[in-house]
C-alpha atoms as a PDB file:
ATOM      1  CA  MET A   1      46.984 139.921 112.706  1.00  0.00           C
ATOM      2  CA  GLY A   2      45.330 143.096 111.448  1.00  0.00           C
ATOM      3  CA  VAL A   3      46.416 146.355 113.005  1.00  0.00           C
ATOM      4  CA  PHE A   4      47.757 144.532 116.070  1.00  0.00           C
ATOM      5  CA  VAL A   5      51.018 143.914 114.250  1.00  0.00           C
ATOM      6  CA  PHE A   6      51.596 147.678 114.009  1.00  0.00           C
ATOM      7  CA  LEU A   7      50.772 148.568 117.624  1.00  0.00           C
ATOM      8  CA  PRO A   8      54.148 147.579 119.165  1.00  0.00           C
ATOM      9  CA  LEU A   9      55.856 149.918 116.728  1.00  0.00           C
ATOM     10  CA  VAL A  10      54.135 152.996 118.177  1.00  0.00           C
ATOM     11  CA  LEU A  11      53.245 151.948 121.741  1.00  0.00           C
ATOM     12  CA  PRO A  12      56.627 153.201 123.069  1.00  0.00           C
ATOM     13  CA  LEU A  13      54.991 156.627 122.903  1.00  0.00           C
ATOM     14  CA  THR A  14      53.014 155.617 126.011  1.00  0.00           C
ATOM     15  CA  ALA A  15      56.283 155.504 127.971  1.00  0.00           C
ATOM     16  CA  TRP A  16      57.274 159.102 127.278  1.00  0.00           C
ATOM     17  CA  PRO A  17      55.418 160.552 130.300  1.00  0.00           C
ATOM     18  CA  VAL A  18      57.069 158.131 132.735  1.00  0.00           C
ATOM     19  CA  ALA A  19      60.473 158.782 131.152  1.00  0.00           C
ATOM     20  CA  ARG A  20      60.033 162.459 132.002  1.00  0.00           C
ATOM     21  CA  LEU A  21      58.440 162.099 135.439  1.00  0.00           C
ATOM     22  CA  ALA A  22      60.481 159.162 136.730  1.00  0.00           C
ATOM     23  CA  GLU A  23      63.651 161.251 136.857  1.00  0.00           C
ATOM     24  CA  GLY A  24      62.333 163.377 139.699  1.00  0.00           C
ATOM     25  CA  ARG A  25      59.352 161.504 141.146  1.00  0.00           C
ATOM     26  CA  LEU A  26      60.691 157.965 141.610  1.00  0.00           C
ATOM     27  CA  HIS A  27      63.670 156.662 143.539  1.00  0.00           C
ATOM     28  CA  PRO A  28      66.584 156.467 141.054  1.00  0.00           C
ATOM     29  CA  ARG A  29      66.978 152.726 141.608  1.00  0.00           C
ATOM     30  CA  THR A  30      63.285 152.104 140.910  1.00  0.00           C
ATOM     31  CA  ALA A  31      63.283 154.447 137.919  1.00  0.00           C
ATOM     32  CA  THR A  32      66.332 152.800 136.355  1.00  0.00           C
ATOM     33  CA  ARG A  33      64.935 149.300 136.686  1.00  0.00           C
ATOM     34  CA  LEU A  34      61.443 150.265 135.556  1.00  0.00           C
ATOM     35  CA  LEU A  35      62.517 152.268 132.510  1.00  0.00           C
ATOM     36  CA  THR A  36      65.013 149.609 131.439  1.00  0.00           C
ATOM     37  CA  ALA A  37      62.420 146.834 131.691  1.00  0.00           C
ATOM     38  CA  VAL A  38      59.857 148.857 129.737  1.00  0.00           C
ATOM     39  CA  ALA A  39      62.394 149.755 127.045  1.00  0.00           C
ATOM     40  CA  VAL A  40      63.655 146.194 126.594  1.00  0.00           C
ATOM     41  CA  VAL A  41      60.188 144.630 126.415  1.00  0.00           C
ATOM     42  CA  MET A  42      58.915 147.229 123.968  1.00  0.00           C
ATOM     43  CA  ALA A  43      62.028 146.958 121.801  1.00  0.00           C
ATOM     44  CA  VAL A  44      61.718 143.174 121.615  1.00  0.00           C
ATOM     45  CA  CYS A  45      58.022 143.420 120.740  1.00  0.00           C
ATOM     46  CA  SER A  46      58.524 146.005 117.997  1.00  0.00           C
ATOM     47  CA  THR A  47      61.435 144.040 116.519  1.00  0.00           C
ATOM     48  CA  LEU A  48      59.354 140.852 116.534  1.00  0.00           C
ATOM     49  CA  CYS A  49      56.544 142.602 114.670  1.00  0.00           C
ATOM     50  CA  LEU A  50      59.016 143.947 112.119  1.00  0.00           C
ATOM     51  CA  ALA A  51      60.236 140.391 111.621  1.00  0.00           C
ATOM     52  CA  LEU A  52      56.666 139.155 111.077  1.00  0.00           C
ATOM     53  CA  LEU A  53      56.049 141.891 108.521  1.00  0.00           C
ATOM     54  CA  MET A  54      59.345 141.038 106.841  1.00  0.00           C
ATOM     55  CA  VAL A  55      58.256 137.406 106.421  1.00  0.00           C
ATOM     56  CA  VAL A  56      55.115 138.528 104.620  1.00  0.00           C
ATOM     57  CA  GLY A  57      57.055 141.004 102.499  1.00  0.00           C
ATOM     58  CA  THR A  58      59.860 138.581 101.638  1.00  0.00           C
ATOM     59  CA  ALA A  59      57.368 135.933 100.534  1.00  0.00           C
ATOM     60  CA  GLN A  60      56.172 138.316  97.817  1.00  0.00           C
ATOM     61  CA  LEU A  61      59.615 138.802  96.279  1.00  0.00           C
ATOM     62  CA  PRO A  62      60.487 136.746  93.224  1.00  0.00           C
ATOM     63  CA  GLY A  63      63.111 134.104  93.810  1.00  0.00           C
ATOM     64  CA  ASN A  64      62.767 134.172  97.597  1.00  0.00           C
ATOM     65  CA  PRO A  65      63.746 130.994  99.485  1.00  0.00           C
ATOM     66  CA  LEU A  66      60.443 130.839 101.384  1.00  0.00           C
ATOM     67  CA  PRO A  67      57.683 128.364 100.441  1.00  0.00           C
ATOM     68  CA  ASP A  68      55.506 129.575  97.569  1.00  0.00           C
ATOM     69  CA  ALA A  69      52.367 129.090  99.672  1.00  0.00           C
ATOM     70  CA  TRP A  70      53.527 131.868 102.023  1.00  0.00           C
ATOM     71  CA  SER A  71      52.688 134.417  99.325  1.00  0.00           C
ATOM     72  CA  ASP A  72      49.105 133.185  98.948  1.00  0.00           C
ATOM     73  CA  PRO A  73      46.277 135.734  99.285  1.00  0.00           C
ATOM     74  CA  GLU A  74      45.193 134.415 102.708  1.00  0.00           C
ATOM     75  CA  VAL A  75      48.688 135.075 104.068  1.00  0.00           C
ATOM     76  CA  ARG A  76      48.867 138.577 102.609  1.00  0.00           C
ATOM     77  CA  ALA A  77      45.377 139.325 103.916  1.00  0.00           C
ATOM     78  CA  ALA A  78      46.707 138.972 107.465  1.00  0.00           C
ATOM     79  CA  VAL A  79      48.573 142.272 107.098  1.00  0.00           C
ATOM     80  CA  PRO A  80      46.844 145.532 106.137  1.00  0.00           C
ATOM     81  CA  GLN A  81      48.515 147.117 103.128  1.00  0.00           C
ATOM     82  CA  ASP A  82      50.736 144.039 102.876  1.00  0.00           C
ATOM     83  CA  GLU A  83      52.633 145.142  99.772  1.00  0.00           C
ATOM     84  CA  ILE A  84      53.757 148.414 101.344  1.00  0.00           C
ATOM     85  CA  ALA A  85      54.167 147.313 104.959  1.00  0.00           C
ATOM     86  CA  GLY A  86      55.741 143.965 104.160  1.00  0.00           C
ATOM     87  CA  ARG A  87      58.338 145.329 101.796  1.00  0.00           C
ATOM     88  CA  ALA A  88      59.099 148.364 103.944  1.00  0.00           C
ATOM     89  CA  ALA A  89      59.786 146.064 106.888  1.00  0.00           C
ATOM     90  CA  ILE A  90      62.682 144.381 105.059  1.00  0.00           C
ATOM     91  CA  PRO A  91      65.042 147.394 104.995  1.00  0.00           C
ATOM     92  CA  ALA A  92      63.709 148.595 108.362  1.00  0.00           C
ATOM     93  CA  LEU A  93      64.666 145.336 110.057  1.00  0.00           C
ATOM     94  CA  GLY A  94      68.013 145.435 108.288  1.00  0.00           C
ATOM     95  CA  VAL A  95      68.671 148.914 109.674  1.00  0.00           C
ATOM     96  CA  VAL A  96      67.729 147.766 113.189  1.00  0.00           C
ATOM     97  CA  ALA A  97      70.040 144.763 112.961  1.00  0.00           C
ATOM     98  CA  GLY A  98      72.854 146.902 111.612  1.00  0.00           C
ATOM     99  CA  LEU A  99      72.527 149.575 114.301  1.00  0.00           C
ATOM    100  CA  CYS A 100      72.331 147.059 117.143  1.00  0.00           C
ATOM    101  CA  GLY A 101      75.255 145.090 115.750  1.00  0.00           C
ATOM    102  CA  ARG A 102      77.310 148.258 115.412  1.00  0.00           C
ATOM    103  CA  THR A 103      76.504 149.268 118.986  1.00  0.00           C
ATOM    104  CA  LEU A 104      77.523 145.867 120.365  1.00  0.00           C
ATOM    105  CA  HIS A 105      80.701 145.822 118.294  1.00  0.00           C
ATOM    106  CA  ARG A 106      81.674 149.316 119.428  1.00  0.00           C
ATOM    107  CA  HIS A 107      80.914 148.442 123.054  1.00  0.00           C
ATOM    108  CA  ARG A 108      83.073 145.317 122.966  1.00  0.00           C
ATOM    109  CA  ARG A 109      85.879 147.032 121.086  1.00  0.00           C
ATOM    110  CA  ILE A 110      86.105 149.955 123.497  1.00  0.00           C
ATOM    111  CA  THR A 111      85.882 147.589 126.479  1.00  0.00           C
ATOM    112  CA  ARG A 112      88.737 145.521 125.081  1.00  0.00           C
ATOM    113  CA  LEU A 113      90.867 148.586 124.357  1.00  0.00           C
ATOM    114  CA  ALA A 114      90.193 150.047 127.808  1.00  0.00           C
ATOM    115  CA  ARG A 115      91.141 146.821 129.557  1.00  0.00           C
ATOM    116  CA  ARG A 116      94.249 146.504 127.426  1.00  0.00           C
ATOM    117  CA  ALA A 117      95.288 150.044 128.378  1.00  0.00           C
ATOM    118  CA  LEU A 118      95.028 149.118 132.054  1.00  0.00           C
ATOM    119  CA  THR A 119      97.182 146.010 131.735  1.00  0.00           C
ATOM    120  CA  GLY A 120     100.086 146.098 134.150  1.00  0.00           C
ATOM    121  CA  LEU A 121      98.698 148.861 136.358  1.00  0.00           C
ATOM    122  CA  PRO A 122      98.617 148.052 140.077  1.00  0.00           C
ATOM    123  CA  GLY A 123      95.312 147.546 141.833  1.00  0.00           C
ATOM    124  CA  ARG A 124      92.581 145.134 140.886  1.00  0.00           C
ATOM    125  CA  GLU A 125      89.626 147.297 141.857  1.00  0.00           C
ATOM    126  CA  VAL A 126      90.980 150.818 141.304  1.00  0.00           C
ATOM    127  CA  ALA A 127      93.399 151.880 138.586  1.00  0.00           C
ATOM    128  CA  VAL A 128      95.024 155.292 139.008  1.00  0.00           C
ATOM    129  CA  LEU A 129      96.327 156.657 135.729  1.00  0.00           C
ATOM    130  CA  PRO A 130      99.175 159.226 135.755  1.00  0.00           C
ATOM    131  CA  ASP A 131      97.312 161.417 133.316  1.00  0.00           C
ATOM    132  CA  GLY A 132      97.129 165.194 133.202  1.00  0.00           C
ATOM    133  CA  ALA A 133      93.499 165.059 132.039  1.00  0.00           C
ATOM    134  CA  PRO A 134      91.040 164.917 134.960  1.00  0.00           C
ATOM    135  CA  TYR A 135      88.431 162.170 134.570  1.00  0.00           C
ATOM    136  CA  ALA A 136      87.056 159.045 136.242  1.00  0.00           C
ATOM    137  CA  TYR A 137      84.825 156.242 135.081  1.00  0.00           C
ATOM    138  CA  ALA A 138      83.776 152.710 135.927  1.00  0.00           C
ATOM    139  CA  LEU A 139      84.486 149.708 133.775  1.00  0.00           C
ATOM    140  CA  PRO A 140      82.717 146.420 134.538  1.00  0.00           C
ATOM    141  CA  GLY A 141      84.535 145.319 137.674  1.00  0.00           C
ATOM    142  CA  ARG A 142      87.073 148.140 137.825  1.00  0.00           C
ATOM    143  CA  ILE A 143      87.318 151.866 138.567  1.00  0.00           C
ATOM    144  CA  VAL A 144      89.583 154.172 136.594  1.00  0.00           C
ATOM    145  CA  VAL A 145      90.620 157.600 137.866  1.00  0.00           C
ATOM    146  CA  THR A 146      93.439 159.953 136.934  1.00  0.00           C
ATOM    147  CA  THR A 147      95.896 161.670 139.234  1.00  0.00           C
ATOM    148  CA  ALA A 148      94.834 165.039 137.817  1.00  0.00           C
ATOM    149  CA  LEU A 149      91.292 164.561 139.115  1.00  0.00           C
ATOM    150  CA  LEU A 150      92.385 163.213 142.501  1.00  0.00           C
ATOM    151  CA  ASP A 151      94.720 166.184 142.989  1.00  0.00           C
ATOM    152  CA  GLY A 152      91.786 168.557 142.502  1.00  0.00           C
ATOM    153  CA  LEU A 153      89.631 166.965 145.235  1.00  0.00           C
ATOM    154  CA  ASP A 154      89.972 167.036 148.995  1.00  0.00           C
ATOM    155  CA  PRO A 155      89.962 163.741 150.976  1.00  0.00           C
ATOM    156  CA  GLY A 156      86.218 163.793 151.632  1.00  0.00           C
ATOM    157  CA  GLU A 157      85.448 164.448 147.986  1.00  0.00           C
ATOM    158  CA  ARG A 158      87.758 161.615 146.962  1.00  0.00           C
ATOM    159  CA  ARG A 159      85.840 159.210 149.193  1.00  0.00           C
ATOM    160  CA  ALA A 160      82.611 160.414 147.598  1.00  0.00           C
ATOM    161  CA  LEU A 161      84.067 159.931 144.115  1.00  0.00           C
ATOM    162  CA  PHE A 162      85.177 156.373 144.814  1.00  0.00           C
ATOM    163  CA  ALA A 163      81.858 155.547 146.497  1.00  0.00           C
ATOM    164  CA  HIS A 164      80.019 156.825 143.423  1.00  0.00           C
ATOM    165  CA  GLU A 165      82.085 154.745 141.014  1.00  0.00           C
ATOM    166  CA  ARG A 166      81.875 151.655 143.250  1.00  0.00           C
ATOM    167  CA  ALA A 167      78.096 151.994 143.175  1.00  0.00           C
ATOM    168  CA  HIS A 168      78.212 151.856 139.370  1.00  0.00           C
ATOM    169  CA  VAL A 169      80.263 148.677 139.511  1.00  0.00           C
ATOM    170  CA  ALA A 170      78.249 147.001 142.278  1.00  0.00           C
ATOM    171  CA  ALA A 171      74.874 147.654 140.645  1.00  0.00           C
ATOM    172  CA  ARG A 172      76.211 146.784 137.181  1.00  0.00           C
ATOM    173  CA  HIS A 173      74.850 149.952 135.674  1.00  0.00           C
ATOM    174  CA  HIS A 174      76.668 149.221 132.422  1.00  0.00           C
ATOM    175  CA  ARG A 175      74.117 146.488 131.734  1.00  0.00           C
ATOM    176  CA  TYR A 176      71.148 148.808 132.159  1.00  0.00           C
ATOM    177  CA  LEU A 177      72.773 151.428 129.959  1.00  0.00           C
ATOM    178  CA  LEU A 178      73.696 148.976 127.228  1.00  0.00           C
ATOM    179  CA  ALA A 179      70.178 147.482 127.295  1.00  0.00           C
ATOM    180  CA  VAL A 180      68.419 150.825 126.840  1.00  0.00           C
ATOM    181  CA  HIS A 181      70.961 151.884 124.230  1.00  0.00           C
ATOM    182  CA  LEU A 182      70.152 148.791 122.173  1.00  0.00           C
ATOM    183  CA  ALA A 183      66.419 149.328 122.751  1.00  0.00           C
ATOM    184  CA  ALA A 184      66.679 152.872 121.404  1.00  0.00           C
ATOM    185  CA  ARG A 185      68.493 151.535 118.361  1.00  0.00           C
ATOM    186  CA  ALA A 186      65.688 149.031 117.788  1.00  0.00           C
ATOM    187  CA  ASN A 187      62.934 151.644 118.078  1.00  0.00           C
ATOM    188  CA  PRO A 188      63.655 155.398 117.873  1.00  0.00           C
ATOM    189  CA  PHE A 189      60.567 156.125 119.988  1.00  0.00           C
ATOM    190  CA  LEU A 190      62.482 154.672 122.956  1.00  0.00           C
ATOM    191  CA  ARG A 191      65.222 157.318 122.900  1.00  0.00           C
ATOM    192  CA  PRO A 192      63.663 159.361 125.745  1.00  0.00           C
ATOM    193  CA  LEU A 193      63.953 156.269 127.954  1.00  0.00           C
ATOM    194  CA  ARG A 194      67.632 155.921 127.082  1.00  0.00           C
ATOM    195  CA  THR A 195      68.250 159.537 128.082  1.00  0.00           C
ATOM    196  CA  ALA A 196      66.279 159.094 131.298  1.00  0.00           C
ATOM    197  CA  VAL A 197      68.144 155.921 132.315  1.00  0.00           C
ATOM    198  CA  ALA A 198      71.512 157.589 131.686  1.00  0.00           C
ATOM    199  CA  TYR A 199      70.455 160.209 134.253  1.00  0.00           C
ATOM    200  CA  THR A 200      68.739 157.931 136.797  1.00  0.00           C
ATOM    201  CA  ALA A 201      71.715 155.552 136.829  1.00  0.00           C
ATOM    202  CA  GLU A 202      73.938 158.471 137.820  1.00  0.00           C
ATOM    203  CA  ARG A 203      71.422 159.532 140.445  1.00  0.00           C
ATOM    204  CA  TRP A 204      71.331 155.956 141.768  1.00  0.00           C
ATOM    205  CA  ALA A 205      75.115 156.048 142.182  1.00  0.00           C
ATOM    206  CA  ASP A 206      74.866 159.513 143.774  1.00  0.00           C
ATOM    207  CA  GLU A 207      72.422 158.259 146.405  1.00  0.00           C
ATOM    208  CA  ALA A 208      74.514 155.162 147.093  1.00  0.00           C
ATOM    209  CA  ALA A 209      77.579 157.367 147.558  1.00  0.00           C
ATOM    210  CA  ALA A 210      75.645 159.656 149.907  1.00  0.00           C
ATOM    211  CA  ARG A 211      74.666 156.687 152.079  1.00  0.00           C
ATOM    212  CA  SER A 212      78.223 155.374 152.074  1.00  0.00           C
ATOM    213  CA  VAL A 213      79.872 158.705 152.911  1.00  0.00           C
ATOM    214  CA  GLY A 214      77.093 159.833 155.236  1.00  0.00           C
ATOM    215  CA  ASP A 215      77.100 163.417 153.970  1.00  0.00           C
ATOM    216  CA  ARG A 216      74.981 164.440 150.995  1.00  0.00           C
ATOM    217  CA  ARG A 217      76.653 167.844 150.727  1.00  0.00           C
ATOM    218  CA  THR A 218      80.105 166.289 150.382  1.00  0.00           C
ATOM    219  CA  VAL A 219      78.896 164.143 147.496  1.00  0.00           C
ATOM    220  CA  ALA A 220      77.217 167.145 145.859  1.00  0.00           C
ATOM    221  CA  ARG A 221      80.427 169.167 146.232  1.00  0.00           C
ATOM    222  CA  ALA A 222      82.503 166.308 144.782  1.00  0.00           C
ATOM    223  CA  ILE A 223      80.215 166.010 141.754  1.00  0.00           C
ATOM    224  CA  GLY A 224      80.264 169.736 141.089  1.00  0.00           C
ATOM    225  CA  ARG A 225      84.020 170.075 141.471  1.00  0.00           C
ATOM    226  CA  ALA A 226      84.757 166.976 139.356  1.00  0.00           C
ATOM    227  CA  ALA A 227      82.485 168.350 136.627  1.00  0.00           C
ATOM    228  CA  LEU A 228      84.320 171.693 136.668  1.00  0.00           C
ATOM    229  CA  LEU A 229      87.719 170.030 136.582  1.00  0.00           C
ATOM    230  CA  SER A 230      86.842 167.678 133.736  1.00  0.00           C
ATOM    231  CA  ARG A 231      85.018 170.257 131.610  1.00  0.00           C
ATOM    232  CA  GLY A 232      86.154 169.974 128.022  1.00  0.00           C
ATOM    233  CA  THR A 233      87.978 166.713 128.648  1.00  0.00           C
ATOM    234  CA  PRO A 234      87.127 164.024 126.068  1.00  0.00           C
ATOM    235  CA  ALA A 235      85.461 161.103 127.851  1.00  0.00           C
ATOM    236  CA  PRO A 236      87.735 158.079 127.253  1.00  0.00           C
ATOM    237  CA  THR A 237      85.009 155.676 128.242  1.00  0.00           C
ATOM    238  CA  LEU A 238      82.583 153.119 126.954  1.00  0.00           C
ATOM    239  CA  ALA A 239      79.627 154.409 124.979  1.00  0.00           C
ATOM    240  CA  ALA A 240      77.081 155.847 127.432  1.00  0.00           C
ATOM    241  CA  LEU A 241      78.849 154.383 130.461  1.00  0.00           C
ATOM    242  CA  ALA A 242      80.236 157.616 131.834  1.00  0.00           C
ATOM    243  CA  ALA A 243      77.478 160.064 131.010  1.00  0.00           C
ATOM    244  CA  THR A 244      77.581 162.554 133.845  1.00  0.00           C
ATOM    245  CA  GLY A 245      73.997 163.673 133.350  1.00  0.00           C
ATOM    246  CA  PRO A 246      72.813 167.210 134.046  1.00  0.00           C
ATOM    247  CA  VAL A 247      75.198 168.079 136.858  1.00  0.00           C
ATOM    248  CA  PRO A 248      73.187 171.006 138.296  1.00  0.00           C
ATOM    249  CA  ARG A 249      70.116 168.765 138.638  1.00  0.00           C
ATOM    250  CA  ARG A 250      72.148 166.057 140.341  1.00  0.00           C
ATOM    251  CA  VAL A 251      73.679 168.547 142.762  1.00  0.00           C
ATOM    252  CA  ALA A 252      70.262 170.048 143.524  1.00  0.00           C
ATOM    253  CA  ALA A 253      68.848 166.581 144.188  1.00  0.00           C
ATOM    254  CA  LEU A 254      71.656 165.823 146.639  1.00  0.00           C
ATOM    255  CA  LEU A 255      71.113 169.092 148.471  1.00  0.00           C
ATOM    256  CA  ALA A 256      67.446 168.135 148.898  1.00  0.00           C
ATOM    257  CA  PRO A 257      66.203 165.398 151.281  1.00  0.00           C
ATOM    258  CA  ALA A 258      66.890 161.819 150.257  1.00  0.00           C
ATOM    259  CA  PRO A 259      64.209 160.367 147.944  1.00  0.00           C
ATOM    260  CA  SER A 260      61.730 157.894 149.330  1.00  0.00           C
ATOM    261  CA  SER A 261      62.610 154.280 148.646  1.00  0.00           C
ATOM    262  CA  ARG A 262      58.938 153.305 148.338  1.00  0.00           C
ATOM    263  CA  GLY A 263      58.625 151.197 145.208  1.00  0.00           C
ATOM    264  CA  TRP A 264      55.523 152.595 143.507  1.00  0.00           C
ATOM    265  CA  PRO A 265      53.866 156.007 143.644  1.00  0.00           C
ATOM    266  CA  SER A 266      50.160 156.373 144.266  1.00  0.00           C
ATOM    267  CA  ALA A 267      47.997 155.871 141.189  1.00  0.00           C
ATOM    268  CA  PHE A 268      46.322 159.214 141.961  1.00  0.00           C
ATOM    269  CA  THR A 269      49.508 161.204 141.276  1.00  0.00           C
ATOM    270  CA  GLY A 270      50.981 162.285 137.975  1.00  0.00           C
ATOM    271  CA  ALA A 271      53.933 159.916 138.381  1.00  0.00           C
ATOM    272  CA  GLY A 272      51.595 157.076 139.316  1.00  0.00           C
ATOM    273  CA  LEU A 273      49.448 157.608 136.240  1.00  0.00           C
ATOM    274  CA  ALA A 274      52.561 157.731 134.076  1.00  0.00           C
ATOM    275  CA  VAL A 275      53.872 154.474 135.587  1.00  0.00           C
ATOM    276  CA  TRP A 276      50.591 152.658 135.074  1.00  0.00           C
ATOM    277  CA  GLY A 277      50.275 154.101 131.573  1.00  0.00           C
ATOM    278  CA  ALA A 278      53.716 152.782 130.644  1.00  0.00           C
ATOM    279  CA  ALA A 279      52.912 149.422 132.252  1.00  0.00           C
ATOM    280  CA  ALA A 280      49.660 149.209 130.292  1.00  0.00           C
ATOM    281  CA  GLY A 281      51.448 150.120 127.066  1.00  0.00           C
ATOM    282  CA  THR A 282      54.064 147.447 127.724  1.00  0.00           C
ATOM    283  CA  VAL A 283      51.434 144.779 128.402  1.00  0.00           C
ATOM    284  CA  VAL A 284      49.449 145.707 125.297  1.00  0.00           C
ATOM    285  CA  SER A 285      52.648 145.669 123.242  1.00  0.00           C
ATOM    286  CA  ALA A 286      53.540 142.194 124.511  1.00  0.00           C
ATOM    287  CA  MET A 287      50.029 140.884 123.920  1.00  0.00           C
ATOM    288  CA  SER A 288      49.836 142.393 120.429  1.00  0.00           C
ATOM    289  CA  SER A 289      53.168 140.954 119.345  1.00  0.00           C
ATOM    290  CA  ALA A 290      52.322 137.545 120.814  1.00  0.00           C
ATOM    291  CA  ASN A 291      48.927 137.557 119.121  1.00  0.00           C
ATOM    292  CA  SER A 292      50.479 138.538 115.804  1.00  0.00           C
ATOM    293  CA  ALA A 293      53.170 135.870 116.045  1.00  0.00           C
ATOM    294  CA  VAL A 294      50.722 133.085 116.902  1.00  0.00           C
ATOM    295  CA  THR A 295      48.250 134.208 114.228  1.00  0.00           C
ATOM    296  CA  LEU A 296      50.868 134.343 111.484  1.00  0.00           C
ATOM    297  CA  PHE A 297      52.286 130.972 112.550  1.00  0.00           C
ATOM    298  CA  LEU A 298      48.852 129.373 112.295  1.00  0.00           C
ATOM    299  CA  ILE A 299      48.157 130.998 108.923  1.00  0.00           C
ATOM    300  CA  LEU A 300      51.511 129.893 107.508  1.00  0.00           C
ATOM    301  CA  HIS A 301      51.054 126.399 108.922  1.00  0.00           C
ATOM    302  CA  THR A 302      47.653 126.134 107.290  1.00  0.00           C
ATOM    303  CA  ALA A 303      48.863 127.525 103.967  1.00  0.00           C
ATOM    304  CA  THR A 304      51.923 125.290 103.779  1.00  0.00           C
ATOM    305  CA  PRO A 305      51.155 122.025 101.934  1.00  0.00           C
ATOM    306  CA  LEU A 306      52.058 118.827 103.730  1.00  0.00           C
END
C-alpha cells in the first residue's frame, strides 16, 4: 500500500478551491450536485483507508480476534510507520463512526419530532402553524410556515416563499445536505464543501422560485424581508436543512442576471481549473483507496494459512 493509503485522508484539500469558486461561478444546481458527489466519494475513500489502517493496527494488539498471521512482518510492512498509523487509526475510525451515528440519530429524531408536531394539521403539502414566531422551512415532502411570517409578507412575496420551499422539496435538498454533513463528519477537511452546499442549495431554490414567480426582484425582496422578520428566531428545523445562507449574497445574486445553466465552465478559467482539480483529486482518492484495499486483501490472503 505504501503512502497511497494516506492520500485519501488529505486529498480533500484539492476540493477547497472549487468549494470557494463554485458558489459564484457555477449554476447552483450544478454546484450542489458536483460538491456533494466530490464530498461523498472523498469521505468514503478516506473512511475506507482508515478501516484498512485499523485492520493493521488491530492485528498488533494482544488478544485481538484477528488471525495471528495478520500481524506478521510482511503485513506490517505494507503500511509506513505501521505501529503509529495502525494504532492511531483505531480511535480515529471510532470517532468517525460515533460522529456519523450521532448525526444520523439526531436527524431522524428531529424529523420524527417535527412530523409528530404537525399531526392533525390540515394540508398535506403545506402546514400553516399559528405561531407568533416568524419562520418557514421544508421537511421531506412537506412545507411548514407560520402565520407570523405570512402576515409580514405581501401576496407576491408569499408566492415567492412557497415557490422557494417547494423547490427544496422537489429537488430533495435534504438528501444533499445530509450527505455533505456526514462527509464532513467523516473527514474534517470536507467542511468547506458542507458550507458551500448549504449555500448553493439555497441558491438553487432561489433560482427555481424566480423561474416560477417570473420576477427575480420579488424573490429577492421576499428573502430579505423574511430574513429581517425571522432574525433572532430559533430555527425549529432539521440540522442544516433550513440554513438561510448569507442573505445579502443571495439577494445580490437575484438582483443580477440569471446564472448560465451550462454544465461545465471552460478549463481555461479559474472555476474550470478548480473543477478539474477537484475531479482529479477525487479520481486519485478513489484509485488510491482501491489500490490499498486490493493490496492489503492480497497480502492478508497470502499471509493467512490455509
